[in-house]
Amino acid sequence: MTIRAMNKNERVFYTVNFEIRKAPFDDYLMHGYESKWKFYMALSRLSEKWQGRTGECIDKRHDFMLIRFLDTPGGKPDEEWIPRYMLEPADTPDYVREMRKEPDETEKELDQIFGFDEH
């Protein structure tokens, strides 16, 4: 069962900040790996790809969080399920605060014309 993490107004951000030696390698079978080495390699790849990036938690499942990284080029965000122990709570990034600015009058008018307004 998936539990929706946040309501529309409540946004929670996390930074991928992981030290490989703190991983629960003794639990490799519980995580679905055949050996500690394969578990280590999987966590290494995950850490290498996402280390240092901050994203929004959009869903939770067991001890994993679906993190949406909004700092991607091209405007399409990346998403990844990341174990909770690889994440640290973070403040809302500046670029997200800038994205939440009020739309100008032209945008509001276009939204109304095309039926995207909330009324």
Protein backbone atom coordinates (compact mmCIF):
# COMPACT_ATOMS: atom_id res chain seq x y z
CA MET A 1 0.00 0.00 0.00
CA THR A 2 1.30 3.45 -0.94
CA ILE A 3 0.81 6.31 1.47
CA ARG A 4 0.74 9.80 0.00
CA ALA A 5 3.38 11.74 1.89
CA MET A 6 2.24 15.32 1.75
CA ASN A 7 -0.79 17.43 1.08
CA LYS A 8 -0.63 20.07 -1.65
CA ASN A 9 0.68 22.85 0.58
CA GLU A 10 3.14 20.81 2.66
CA ARG A 11 6.42 20.19 0.88
CA VAL A 12 9.29 18.26 2.47
CA PHE A 13 12.77 18.18 0.96
CA TYR A 14 15.71 15.84 1.50
CA THR A 15 19.33 15.86 0.42
CA VAL A 16 21.02 12.63 -0.55
CA ASN A 17 23.89 12.54 1.92
CA PHE A 18 25.22 9.05 2.33
CA GLU A 19 28.32 7.47 3.76
CA ILE A 20 28.61 3.94 2.38
CA ARG A 21 30.09 2.55 5.60
CA LYS A 22 26.82 3.38 7.42
CA ALA A 23 24.73 1.11 5.18
CA PRO A 24 23.01 -1.93 6.73
CA PHE A 25 25.07 -4.49 4.81
CA ASP A 26 24.12 -7.32 7.16
CA ASP A 27 20.52 -6.93 5.94
CA TYR A 28 21.39 -7.57 2.28
CA LEU A 29 18.96 -10.52 2.04
CA MET A 30 16.10 -8.44 3.42
CA HIS A 31 16.79 -5.88 0.67
CA GLY A 32 16.61 -8.57 -2.02
CA TYR A 33 20.30 -9.07 -2.79
CA GLU A 34 22.17 -12.37 -3.03
CA SER A 35 25.37 -11.09 -1.46
CA LYS A 36 26.77 -8.18 0.50
CA TRP A 37 28.91 -7.30 -2.51
CA LYS A 38 25.91 -6.91 -4.84
CA PHE A 39 24.13 -4.82 -2.21
CA TYR A 40 27.25 -2.68 -1.83
CA MET A 41 27.50 -2.15 -5.60
CA ALA A 42 23.81 -1.20 -5.88
CA LEU A 43 24.12 1.36 -3.07
CA SER A 44 27.33 2.69 -4.58
CA ARG A 45 25.63 3.29 -7.94
CA LEU A 46 22.65 4.93 -6.25
CA SER A 47 24.91 7.16 -4.17
CA GLU A 48 27.10 8.06 -7.14
CA LYS A 49 24.12 9.18 -9.19
CA TRP A 50 22.22 11.19 -6.55
CA GLN A 51 24.81 12.22 -3.94
CA GLY A 52 24.50 15.87 -2.95
CA ARG A 53 21.23 16.52 -4.77
CA THR A 54 18.15 17.85 -3.00
CA GLY A 55 14.65 16.77 -3.92
CA GLU A 56 11.07 16.76 -2.74
CA CYS A 57 9.54 13.71 -1.07
CA ILE A 58 6.38 12.92 -3.02
CA ASP A 59 5.65 9.43 -1.71
CA LYS A 60 6.72 6.94 0.96
CA ARG A 61 6.73 3.17 1.02
CA HIS A 62 8.18 1.20 3.91
CA ASP A 63 11.67 2.65 4.48
CA PHE A 64 11.93 4.19 1.02
CA MET A 65 10.99 7.65 -0.20
CA LEU A 66 10.17 8.68 -3.74
CA ILE A 67 12.25 11.79 -4.25
CA ARG A 68 11.54 14.20 -7.11
CA PHE A 69 14.62 16.16 -8.15
CA LEU A 70 13.50 19.44 -9.71
CA ASP A 71 16.97 20.72 -10.64
CA THR A 72 17.19 18.81 -13.90
CA PRO A 73 17.83 20.51 -17.24
CA GLY A 74 14.94 20.54 -19.67
CA GLY A 75 12.25 20.95 -17.05
CA LYS A 76 11.32 17.27 -16.64
CA PRO A 77 12.16 16.25 -13.06
CA ASP A 78 13.97 13.04 -12.18
CA GLU A 79 12.43 10.68 -9.63
CA GLU A 80 13.99 7.84 -7.68
CA TRP A 81 13.09 5.58 -4.76
CA ILE A 82 15.83 6.12 -2.18
CA PRO A 83 16.24 4.40 1.20
CA ARG A 84 15.55 6.67 4.15
CA TYR A 85 19.03 6.09 5.61
CA MET A 86 20.57 7.80 2.55
CA LEU A 87 18.60 11.02 3.13
CA GLU A 88 18.86 14.04 5.39
CA PRO A 89 16.09 16.63 5.86
CA ALA A 90 16.78 19.83 3.94
CA ASP A 91 15.39 23.31 3.58
CA THR A 92 13.42 24.23 0.49
CA PRO A 93 15.99 25.01 -2.22
CA ASP A 94 16.14 28.57 -3.53
CA TYR A 95 15.26 27.53 -7.08
CA VAL A 96 11.98 26.01 -5.79
CA ARG A 97 11.08 29.21 -3.95
CA GLU A 98 11.67 31.14 -7.18
CA MET A 99 9.42 28.71 -9.10
CA ARG A 100 6.52 29.45 -6.74
CA LYS A 101 6.24 33.13 -7.67
CA GLU A 102 2.81 34.49 -8.55
CA PRO A 103 1.94 34.26 -12.24
CA ASP A 104 1.75 37.57 -14.07
CA GLU A 105 -1.45 38.93 -15.58
CA THR A 106 -0.71 37.46 -19.02
CA GLU A 107 -0.31 33.97 -17.57
CA LYS A 108 -3.55 34.35 -15.61
CA GLU A 109 -5.40 35.49 -18.72
CA LEU A 110 -4.04 32.60 -20.81
CA ASP A 111 -4.99 30.12 -18.07
CA GLN A 112 -8.51 31.51 -18.06
CA ILE A 113 -8.80 31.42 -21.88
CA PHE A 114 -7.65 27.78 -22.06
CA GLY A 115 -9.74 26.69 -19.08
CA PHE A 116 -6.89 26.09 -16.64
CA ASP A 117 -8.14 28.50 -14.03
CA GLU A 118 -9.56 27.09 -10.81
CA HIS A 119 -12.95 28.84 -11.05
